[in-house]
Full PDB file with SEQRES, HELIX, SHEET, SSBOND, CRYST1, ORIGX, SCALE, CONECT and MASTER records, all heavy atoms in Angstrom:
SEQRES   1 A   39  GLY ASP GLY PHE THR PRO VAL THR THR LEU ALA LEU GLY          
SEQRES   2 A   39  ALA ALA ASP GLU ALA GLU MET MET LYS HIS ASP ALA GLY          
SEQRES   3 A   39  SER VAL THR ASP ILE SER GLY ASN THR PHE ALA ALA ILE          
HELIX    1 AA1 LEU A   12  ALA A   14  5                                   3    
SHEET    1 AA1 2 GLU A  19  MET A  20  0                                        
SHEET    2 AA1 2 THR A  29  ASP A  30 -1                                        
CRYST1    1.000    1.000    1.000  90.00  90.00  90.00 P 1           1          
ORIGX1      1.000000  0.000000  0.000000        0.00000                         
ORIGX2      0.000000  1.000000  0.000000        0.00000                         
ORIGX3      0.000000  0.000000  1.000000        0.00000                         
SCALE1      1.000000  0.000000  0.000000        0.00000                         
SCALE2      0.000000  1.000000  0.000000        0.00000                         
SCALE3      0.000000  0.000000  1.000000        0.00000                         
ATOM      1  N   GLY A   1       0.782  -1.227   0.000  1.00  0.00           N  
ATOM      2  CA  GLY A   1       0.000   0.000   0.000  1.00  0.00           C  
ATOM      3  C   GLY A   1       0.814   1.279   0.000  1.00  0.00           C  
ATOM      4  O   GLY A   1       0.503   2.225  -0.700  1.00  0.00           O  
ATOM      5  N   ASP A   2       1.893   1.309   0.816  1.00  0.00           N  
ATOM      6  CA  ASP A   2       2.674   2.544   0.906  1.00  0.00           C  
ATOM      7  C   ASP A   2       4.151   2.378   0.566  1.00  0.00           C  
ATOM      8  O   ASP A   2       4.873   3.354   0.432  1.00  0.00           O  
ATOM      9  CB  ASP A   2       2.517   3.184   2.285  1.00  0.00           C  
ATOM     10  CG  ASP A   2       3.000   2.295   3.420  1.00  0.00           C  
ATOM     11  OD1 ASP A   2       3.765   1.346   3.174  1.00  0.00           O  
ATOM     12  OD2 ASP A   2       2.594   2.552   4.562  1.00  0.00           O  
ATOM     13  N   GLY A   3       4.632   1.141   0.471  1.00  0.00           N  
ATOM     14  CA  GLY A   3       6.009   0.898   0.047  1.00  0.00           C  
ATOM     15  C   GLY A   3       7.068   1.131   1.105  1.00  0.00           C  
ATOM     16  O   GLY A   3       8.256   1.074   0.791  1.00  0.00           O  
ATOM     17  N   PHE A   4       6.661   1.394   2.363  1.00  0.00           N  
ATOM     18  CA  PHE A   4       7.682   1.579   3.392  1.00  0.00           C  
ATOM     19  C   PHE A   4       7.329   0.962   4.749  1.00  0.00           C  
ATOM     20  O   PHE A   4       8.211   0.760   5.566  1.00  0.00           O  
ATOM     21  CB  PHE A   4       8.028   3.064   3.580  1.00  0.00           C  
ATOM     22  CG  PHE A   4       6.892   3.909   4.082  1.00  0.00           C  
ATOM     23  CD1 PHE A   4       6.605   4.005   5.428  1.00  0.00           C  
ATOM     24  CD2 PHE A   4       6.109   4.622   3.190  1.00  0.00           C  
ATOM     25  CE1 PHE A   4       5.560   4.793   5.880  1.00  0.00           C  
ATOM     26  CE2 PHE A   4       5.068   5.420   3.626  1.00  0.00           C  
ATOM     27  CZ  PHE A   4       4.793   5.510   4.985  1.00  0.00           C  
ATOM     28  N   THR A   5       6.079   0.657   5.021  1.00  0.00           N  
ATOM     29  CA  THR A   5       5.703   0.050   6.297  1.00  0.00           C  
ATOM     30  C   THR A   5       6.187  -1.404   6.334  1.00  0.00           C  
ATOM     31  O   THR A   5       5.856  -2.186   5.441  1.00  0.00           O  
ATOM     32  CB  THR A   5       4.174   0.081   6.496  1.00  0.00           C  
ATOM     33  OG1 THR A   5       3.732   1.441   6.447  1.00  0.00           O  
ATOM     34  CG2 THR A   5       3.787  -0.543   7.825  1.00  0.00           C  
ATOM     35  N   PRO A   6       6.986  -1.783   7.346  1.00  0.00           N  
ATOM     36  CA  PRO A   6       7.495  -3.147   7.424  1.00  0.00           C  
ATOM     37  C   PRO A   6       6.368  -4.166   7.575  1.00  0.00           C  
ATOM     38  O   PRO A   6       5.401  -3.940   8.295  1.00  0.00           O  
ATOM     39  CB  PRO A   6       8.364  -3.144   8.677  1.00  0.00           C  
ATOM     40  CG  PRO A   6       8.672  -1.718   8.939  1.00  0.00           C  
ATOM     41  CD  PRO A   6       7.497  -0.939   8.436  1.00  0.00           C  
ATOM     42  N   VAL A   7       6.515  -5.290   6.901  1.00  0.00           N  
ATOM     43  CA  VAL A   7       5.576  -6.407   6.996  1.00  0.00           C  
ATOM     44  C   VAL A   7       6.243  -7.501   7.826  1.00  0.00           C  
ATOM     45  O   VAL A   7       7.354  -7.922   7.507  1.00  0.00           O  
ATOM     46  CB  VAL A   7       5.207  -6.941   5.589  1.00  0.00           C  
ATOM     47  CG1 VAL A   7       4.383  -8.219   5.691  1.00  0.00           C  
ATOM     48  CG2 VAL A   7       4.471  -5.884   4.792  1.00  0.00           C  
ATOM     49  N   THR A   8       5.562  -7.946   8.857  1.00  0.00           N  
ATOM     50  CA  THR A   8       6.115  -8.987   9.734  1.00  0.00           C  
ATOM     51  C   THR A   8       5.306 -10.274   9.679  1.00  0.00           C  
ATOM     52  O   THR A   8       5.622 -11.223  10.387  1.00  0.00           O  
ATOM     53  CB  THR A   8       6.179  -8.490  11.191  1.00  0.00           C  
ATOM     54  OG1 THR A   8       4.862  -8.147  11.610  1.00  0.00           O  
ATOM     55  CG2 THR A   8       7.095  -7.285  11.328  1.00  0.00           C  
ATOM     56  N   THR A   9       4.274 -10.306   8.836  1.00  0.00           N  
ATOM     57  CA  THR A   9       3.354 -11.450   8.809  1.00  0.00           C  
ATOM     58  C   THR A   9       3.452 -12.282   7.535  1.00  0.00           C  
ATOM     59  O   THR A   9       2.610 -13.132   7.298  1.00  0.00           O  
ATOM     60  CB  THR A   9       1.909 -10.951   8.956  1.00  0.00           C  
ATOM     61  OG1 THR A   9       1.631 -10.022   7.892  1.00  0.00           O  
ATOM     62  CG2 THR A   9       1.705 -10.282  10.298  1.00  0.00           C  
ATOM     63  N   LEU A  10       4.467 -12.058   6.736  1.00  0.00           N  
ATOM     64  CA  LEU A  10       4.610 -12.812   5.493  1.00  0.00           C  
ATOM     65  C   LEU A  10       4.854 -14.290   5.798  1.00  0.00           C  
ATOM     66  O   LEU A  10       5.665 -14.632   6.656  1.00  0.00           O  
ATOM     67  CB  LEU A  10       5.776 -12.247   4.674  1.00  0.00           C  
ATOM     68  CG  LEU A  10       6.081 -12.927   3.348  1.00  0.00           C  
ATOM     69  CD1 LEU A  10       4.902 -12.818   2.382  1.00  0.00           C  
ATOM     70  CD2 LEU A  10       7.328 -12.317   2.718  1.00  0.00           C  
ATOM     71  N   ALA A  11       4.136 -15.156   5.102  1.00  0.00           N  
ATOM     72  CA  ALA A  11       4.317 -16.603   5.236  1.00  0.00           C  
ATOM     73  C   ALA A  11       4.589 -17.178   3.849  1.00  0.00           C  
ATOM     74  O   ALA A  11       3.822 -16.932   2.917  1.00  0.00           O  
ATOM     75  CB  ALA A  11       3.078 -17.240   5.845  1.00  0.00           C  
ATOM     76  N   LEU A  12       5.661 -17.932   3.704  1.00  0.00           N  
ATOM     77  CA  LEU A  12       6.011 -18.483   2.380  1.00  0.00           C  
ATOM     78  C   LEU A  12       4.907 -19.356   1.825  1.00  0.00           C  
ATOM     79  O   LEU A  12       4.603 -19.293   0.635  1.00  0.00           O  
ATOM     80  CB  LEU A  12       7.306 -19.292   2.456  1.00  0.00           C  
ATOM     81  CG  LEU A  12       8.612 -18.532   2.569  1.00  0.00           C  
ATOM     82  CD1 LEU A  12       9.785 -19.502   2.489  1.00  0.00           C  
ATOM     83  CD2 LEU A  12       8.743 -17.468   1.518  1.00  0.00           C  
ATOM     84  N   GLY A  13       4.317 -20.182   2.667  1.00  0.00           N  
ATOM     85  CA  GLY A  13       3.276 -21.100   2.214  1.00  0.00           C  
ATOM     86  C   GLY A  13       2.037 -20.393   1.692  1.00  0.00           C  
ATOM     87  O   GLY A  13       1.304 -20.940   0.870  1.00  0.00           O  
ATOM     88  N   ALA A  14       1.788 -19.176   2.158  1.00  0.00           N  
ATOM     89  CA  ALA A  14       0.612 -18.421   1.738  1.00  0.00           C  
ATOM     90  C   ALA A  14       0.920 -17.403   0.647  1.00  0.00           C  
ATOM     91  O   ALA A  14       0.008 -16.796   0.089  1.00  0.00           O  
ATOM     92  CB  ALA A  14       0.006 -17.702   2.947  1.00  0.00           C  
ATOM     93  N   ALA A  15       2.180 -17.206   0.335  1.00  0.00           N  
ATOM     94  CA  ALA A  15       2.580 -16.219  -0.674  1.00  0.00           C  
ATOM     95  C   ALA A  15       2.163 -16.676  -2.066  1.00  0.00           C  
ATOM     96  O   ALA A  15       2.030 -17.884  -2.335  1.00  0.00           O  
ATOM     97  CB  ALA A  15       4.085 -15.999  -0.621  1.00  0.00           C  
ATOM     98  N   ASP A  16       1.946 -15.711  -2.961  1.00  0.00           N  
ATOM     99  CA  ASP A  16       1.605 -16.043  -4.343  1.00  0.00           C  
ATOM    100  C   ASP A  16       2.744 -16.796  -5.029  1.00  0.00           C  
ATOM    101  O   ASP A  16       2.505 -17.697  -5.826  1.00  0.00           O  
ATOM    102  CB  ASP A  16       1.291 -14.757  -5.136  1.00  0.00           C  
ATOM    103  CG  ASP A  16       0.086 -14.022  -4.570  1.00  0.00           C  
ATOM    104  OD1 ASP A  16      -0.833 -14.687  -4.063  1.00  0.00           O  
ATOM    105  OD2 ASP A  16       0.070 -12.781  -4.639  1.00  0.00           O  
ATOM    106  N   GLU A  17       3.974 -16.402  -4.732  1.00  0.00           N  
ATOM    107  CA  GLU A  17       5.151 -17.071  -5.287  1.00  0.00           C  
ATOM    108  C   GLU A  17       6.253 -17.099  -4.237  1.00  0.00           C  
ATOM    109  O   GLU A  17       6.502 -16.102  -3.574  1.00  0.00           O  
ATOM    110  CB  GLU A  17       5.684 -16.318  -6.511  1.00  0.00           C  
ATOM    111  CG  GLU A  17       4.726 -16.255  -7.669  1.00  0.00           C  
ATOM    112  CD  GLU A  17       5.243 -15.336  -8.768  1.00  0.00           C  
ATOM    113  OE1 GLU A  17       6.464 -15.124  -8.866  1.00  0.00           O  
ATOM    114  OE2 GLU A  17       4.409 -14.817  -9.519  1.00  0.00           O  
ATOM    115  N   ALA A  18       6.906 -18.226  -4.108  1.00  0.00           N  
ATOM    116  CA  ALA A  18       8.091 -18.381  -3.267  1.00  0.00           C  
ATOM    117  C   ALA A  18       8.983 -19.355  -4.020  1.00  0.00           C  
ATOM    118  O   ALA A  18       8.772 -20.569  -3.987  1.00  0.00           O  
ATOM    119  CB  ALA A  18       7.730 -18.899  -1.880  1.00  0.00           C  
ATOM    120  N   GLU A  19       9.962 -18.792  -4.744  1.00  0.00           N  
ATOM    121  CA  GLU A  19      10.726 -19.603  -5.692  1.00  0.00           C  
ATOM    122  C   GLU A  19      12.207 -19.247  -5.672  1.00  0.00           C  
ATOM    123  O   GLU A  19      12.592 -18.163  -5.256  1.00  0.00           O  
ATOM    124  CB  GLU A  19      10.195 -19.370  -7.104  1.00  0.00           C  
ATOM    125  CG  GLU A  19       8.729 -19.659  -7.240  1.00  0.00           C  
ATOM    126  CD  GLU A  19       8.097 -19.058  -8.488  1.00  0.00           C  
ATOM    127  OE1 GLU A  19       8.610 -18.032  -8.996  1.00  0.00           O  
ATOM    128  OE2 GLU A  19       7.109 -19.634  -8.945  1.00  0.00           O  
ATOM    129  N   MET A  20      12.974 -20.179  -6.186  1.00  0.00           N  
ATOM    130  CA  MET A  20      14.401 -19.975  -6.360  1.00  0.00           C  
ATOM    131  C   MET A  20      14.769 -20.407  -7.771  1.00  0.00           C  
ATOM    132  O   MET A  20      14.344 -21.474  -8.225  1.00  0.00           O  
ATOM    133  CB  MET A  20      15.178 -20.806  -5.333  1.00  0.00           C  
ATOM    134  CG  MET A  20      16.677 -20.693  -5.474  1.00  0.00           C  
ATOM    135  SD  MET A  20      17.576 -21.571  -4.168  1.00  0.00           S  
ATOM    136  CE  MET A  20      17.272 -23.263  -4.610  1.00  0.00           C  
ATOM    137  N   MET A  21      15.532 -19.574  -8.458  1.00  0.00           N  
ATOM    138  CA  MET A  21      16.026 -19.918  -9.797  1.00  0.00           C  
ATOM    139  C   MET A  21      17.509 -20.214  -9.672  1.00  0.00           C  
ATOM    140  O   MET A  21      18.300 -19.350  -9.287  1.00  0.00           O  
ATOM    141  CB  MET A  21      15.796 -18.763 -10.765  1.00  0.00           C  
ATOM    142  CG  MET A  21      16.375 -19.006 -12.150  1.00  0.00           C  
ATOM    143  SD  MET A  21      15.600 -20.344 -13.061  1.00  0.00           S  
ATOM    144  CE  MET A  21      14.252 -19.484 -13.801  1.00  0.00           C  
ATOM    145  N   LYS A  22      17.885 -21.459  -9.984  1.00  0.00           N  
ATOM    146  CA  LYS A  22      19.289 -21.853  -9.926  1.00  0.00           C  
ATOM    147  C   LYS A  22      19.987 -21.446 -11.217  1.00  0.00           C  
ATOM    148  O   LYS A  22      19.351 -21.240 -12.249  1.00  0.00           O  
ATOM    149  CB  LYS A  22      19.414 -23.368  -9.753  1.00  0.00           C  
ATOM    150  CG  LYS A  22      18.899 -23.871  -8.438  1.00  0.00           C  
ATOM    151  CD  LYS A  22      19.091 -25.374  -8.343  1.00  0.00           C  
ATOM    152  CE  LYS A  22      18.526 -25.932  -7.063  1.00  0.00           C  
ATOM    153  NZ  LYS A  22      18.750 -27.374  -6.955  1.00  0.00           N  
ATOM    154  N   HIS A  23      21.300 -21.368 -11.150  1.00  0.00           N  
ATOM    155  CA  HIS A  23      22.122 -20.998 -12.298  1.00  0.00           C  
ATOM    156  C   HIS A  23      21.826 -21.893 -13.499  1.00  0.00           C  
ATOM    157  O   HIS A  23      21.819 -23.115 -13.387  1.00  0.00           O  
ATOM    158  CB  HIS A  23      23.609 -21.110 -11.934  1.00  0.00           C  
ATOM    159  CG  HIS A  23      24.524 -20.869 -13.083  1.00  0.00           C  
ATOM    160  ND1 HIS A  23      24.734 -19.616 -13.589  1.00  0.00           N  
ATOM    161  CD2 HIS A  23      25.256 -21.721 -13.830  1.00  0.00           C  
ATOM    162  CE1 HIS A  23      25.566 -19.694 -14.613  1.00  0.00           C  
ATOM    163  NE2 HIS A  23      25.901 -20.971 -14.770  1.00  0.00           N  
ATOM    164  N   ASP A  24      21.532 -21.268 -14.612  1.00  0.00           N  
ATOM    165  CA  ASP A  24      21.342 -21.943 -15.895  1.00  0.00           C  
ATOM    166  C   ASP A  24      20.193 -22.967 -15.880  1.00  0.00           C  
ATOM    167  O   ASP A  24      20.196 -23.917 -16.647  1.00  0.00           O  
ATOM    168  CB  ASP A  24      22.651 -22.618 -16.326  1.00  0.00           C  
ATOM    169  CG  ASP A  24      22.723 -22.808 -17.836  1.00  0.00           C  
ATOM    170  OD1 ASP A  24      22.047 -22.062 -18.572  1.00  0.00           O  
ATOM    171  OD2 ASP A  24      23.448 -23.732 -18.280  1.00  0.00           O  
ATOM    172  N   ALA A  25      19.220 -22.759 -14.992  1.00  0.00           N  
ATOM    173  CA  ALA A  25      18.083 -23.685 -14.901  1.00  0.00           C  
ATOM    174  C   ALA A  25      16.967 -23.228 -15.834  1.00  0.00           C  
ATOM    175  O   ALA A  25      16.800 -22.038 -16.088  1.00  0.00           O  
ATOM    176  CB  ALA A  25      17.568 -23.757 -13.475  1.00  0.00           C  
ATOM    177  N   GLY A  26      16.193 -24.163 -16.310  1.00  0.00           N  
ATOM    178  CA  GLY A  26      15.068 -23.856 -17.176  1.00  0.00           C  
ATOM    179  C   GLY A  26      13.761 -23.694 -16.424  1.00  0.00           C  
ATOM    180  O   GLY A  26      12.752 -23.309 -17.004  1.00  0.00           O  
ATOM    181  N   SER A  27      13.787 -24.002 -15.135  1.00  0.00           N  
ATOM    182  CA  SER A  27      12.573 -23.874 -14.322  1.00  0.00           C  
ATOM    183  C   SER A  27      12.960 -23.455 -12.905  1.00  0.00           C  
ATOM    184  O   SER A  27      14.126 -23.481 -12.535  1.00  0.00           O  
ATOM    185  CB  SER A  27      11.810 -25.202 -14.295  1.00  0.00           C  
ATOM    186  OG  SER A  27      12.613 -26.208 -13.713  1.00  0.00           O  
ATOM    187  N   VAL A  28      11.960 -23.085 -12.128  1.00  0.00           N  
ATOM    188  CA  VAL A  28      12.211 -22.625 -10.761  1.00  0.00           C  
ATOM    189  C   VAL A  28      12.075 -23.772  -9.763  1.00  0.00           C  
ATOM    190  O   VAL A  28      11.454 -24.792 -10.049  1.00  0.00           O  
ATOM    191  CB  VAL A  28      11.243 -21.482 -10.373  1.00  0.00           C  
ATOM    192  CG1 VAL A  28      11.473 -20.260 -11.233  1.00  0.00           C  
ATOM    193  CG2 VAL A  28       9.803 -21.932 -10.440  1.00  0.00           C  
ATOM    194  N   THR A  29      12.666 -23.572  -8.592  1.00  0.00           N  
ATOM    195  CA  THR A  29      12.557 -24.510  -7.477  1.00  0.00           C  
ATOM    196  C   THR A  29      11.630 -23.893  -6.444  1.00  0.00           C  
ATOM    197  O   THR A  29      11.853 -22.758  -6.011  1.00  0.00           O  
ATOM    198  CB  THR A  29      13.937 -24.768  -6.843  1.00  0.00           C  
ATOM    199  OG1 THR A  29      14.812 -25.303  -7.833  1.00  0.00           O  
ATOM    200  CG2 THR A  29      13.842 -25.716  -5.667  1.00  0.00           C  
ATOM    201  N   ASP A  30      10.606 -24.614  -6.051  1.00  0.00           N  
ATOM    202  CA  ASP A  30       9.650 -24.131  -5.053  1.00  0.00           C  
ATOM    203  C   ASP A  30      10.314 -24.123  -3.675  1.00  0.00           C  
ATOM    204  O   ASP A  30      10.908 -25.116  -3.264  1.00  0.00           O  
ATOM    205  CB  ASP A  30       8.425 -25.037  -5.037  1.00  0.00           C  
ATOM    206  CG  ASP A  30       7.395 -24.632  -4.005  1.00  0.00           C  
ATOM    207  OD1 ASP A  30       7.230 -23.415  -3.777  1.00  0.00           O  
ATOM    208  OD2 ASP A  30       6.748 -25.524  -3.424  1.00  0.00           O  
ATOM    209  N   ILE A  31      10.218 -22.988  -2.964  1.00  0.00           N  
ATOM    210  CA  ILE A  31      10.772 -22.896  -1.612  1.00  0.00           C  
ATOM    211  C   ILE A  31       9.681 -22.585  -0.595  1.00  0.00           C  
ATOM    212  O   ILE A  31       9.977 -22.208   0.535  1.00  0.00           O  
ATOM    213  CB  ILE A  31      11.900 -21.844  -1.523  1.00  0.00           C  
ATOM    214  CG1 ILE A  31      11.394 -20.452  -1.903  1.00  0.00           C  
ATOM    215  CG2 ILE A  31      13.104 -22.256  -2.351  1.00  0.00           C  
ATOM    216  CD1 ILE A  31      12.364 -19.332  -1.573  1.00  0.00           C  
ATOM    217  N   SER A  32       8.412 -22.753  -0.978  1.00  0.00           N  
ATOM    218  CA  SER A  32       7.311 -22.389  -0.089  1.00  0.00           C  
ATOM    219  C   SER A  32       7.263 -23.230   1.184  1.00  0.00           C  
ATOM    220  O   SER A  32       6.664 -22.819   2.176  1.00  0.00           O  
ATOM    221  CB  SER A  32       5.971 -22.481  -0.823  1.00  0.00           C  
ATOM    222  OG  SER A  32       5.706 -23.813  -1.227  1.00  0.00           O  
ATOM    223  N   GLY A  33       7.909 -24.386   1.205  1.00  0.00           N  
ATOM    224  CA  GLY A  33       7.926 -25.235   2.390  1.00  0.00           C  
ATOM    225  C   GLY A  33       9.155 -25.043   3.263  1.00  0.00           C  
ATOM    226  O   GLY A  33       9.285 -25.684   4.307  1.00  0.00           O  
ATOM    227  N   ASN A  34      10.051 -24.148   2.864  1.00  0.00           N  
ATOM    228  CA  ASN A  34      11.277 -23.915   3.637  1.00  0.00           C  
ATOM    229  C   ASN A  34      10.975 -23.232   4.967  1.00  0.00           C  
ATOM    230  O   ASN A  34       9.956 -22.563   5.115  1.00  0.00           O  
ATOM    231  CB  ASN A  34      12.251 -23.038   2.841  1.00  0.00           C  
ATOM    232  CG  ASN A  34      12.926 -23.780   1.714  1.00  0.00           C  
ATOM    233  OD1 ASN A  34      12.304 -24.566   1.023  1.00  0.00           O  
ATOM    234  ND2 ASN A  34      14.190 -23.504   1.500  1.00  0.00           N  
ATOM    235  N   THR A  35      11.883 -23.378   5.922  1.00  0.00           N  
ATOM    236  CA  THR A  35      11.771 -22.676   7.191  1.00  0.00           C  
ATOM    237  C   THR A  35      11.961 -21.186   6.938  1.00  0.00           C  
ATOM    238  O   THR A  35      12.918 -20.769   6.293  1.00  0.00           O  
ATOM    239  CB  THR A  35      12.829 -23.179   8.192  1.00  0.00           C  
ATOM    240  OG1 THR A  35      12.659 -24.587   8.365  1.00  0.00           O  
ATOM    241  CG2 THR A  35      12.705 -22.477   9.529  1.00  0.00           C  
ATOM    242  N   PHE A  36      11.020 -20.383   7.449  1.00  0.00           N  
ATOM    243  CA  PHE A  36      10.980 -18.943   7.190  1.00  0.00           C  
ATOM    244  C   PHE A  36      10.426 -18.269   8.429  1.00  0.00           C  
ATOM    245  O   PHE A  36       9.317 -18.590   8.857  1.00  0.00           O  
ATOM    246  CB  PHE A  36      10.075 -18.691   5.976  1.00  0.00           C  
ATOM    247  CG  PHE A  36      10.056 -17.288   5.460  1.00  0.00           C  
ATOM    248  CD1 PHE A  36      11.163 -16.749   4.826  1.00  0.00           C  
ATOM    249  CD2 PHE A  36       8.921 -16.512   5.582  1.00  0.00           C  
ATOM    250  CE1 PHE A  36      11.138 -15.459   4.310  1.00  0.00           C  
ATOM    251  CE2 PHE A  36       8.880 -15.221   5.073  1.00  0.00           C  
ATOM    252  CZ  PHE A  36       9.989 -14.700   4.433  1.00  0.00           C  
ATOM    253  N   ALA A  37      11.196 -17.380   9.050  1.00  0.00           N  
ATOM    254  CA  ALA A  37      10.748 -16.770  10.307  1.00  0.00           C  
ATOM    255  C   ALA A  37      11.156 -15.312  10.381  1.00  0.00           C  
ATOM    256  O   ALA A  37      12.271 -14.951   9.995  1.00  0.00           O  
ATOM    257  CB  ALA A  37      11.348 -17.522  11.485  1.00  0.00           C  
ATOM    258  N   ALA A  38      10.244 -14.488  10.876  1.00  0.00           N  
ATOM    259  CA  ALA A  38      10.535 -13.081  11.082  1.00  0.00           C  
ATOM    260  C   ALA A  38      11.650 -12.941  12.116  1.00  0.00           C  
ATOM    261  O   ALA A  38      11.712 -13.702  13.082  1.00  0.00           O  
ATOM    262  CB  ALA A  38       9.288 -12.341  11.549  1.00  0.00           C  
ATOM    263  N   ILE A  39      12.523 -11.969  11.911  1.00  0.00           N  
ATOM    264  CA  ILE A  39      13.618 -11.723  12.846  1.00  0.00           C  
ATOM    265  C   ILE A  39      13.122 -10.749  13.917  1.00  0.00           C  
ATOM    266  O   ILE A  39      12.663  -9.652  13.606  1.00  0.00           O  
ATOM    267  CB  ILE A  39      14.851 -11.151  12.125  1.00  0.00           C  
ATOM    268  CG1 ILE A  39      15.340 -12.148  11.060  1.00  0.00           C  
ATOM    269  CG2 ILE A  39      15.962 -10.825  13.121  1.00  0.00           C  
ATOM    270  CD1 ILE A  39      16.445 -11.617  10.173  1.00  0.00           C  
TER     271      ILE A  39                                                      
MASTER        0    0    0    1    2    0    0    6  270    1    0    3          
END                                                                             
């Protein structure tokens, strides 16, 4: 909404996309199940 208010409730499993692109890969690797925690 404003581009500066910190978000602390992001969850990878609920995100629209959570991906990793490896070097020279033709497709992405899903990381939505990885451990992810607010600091």
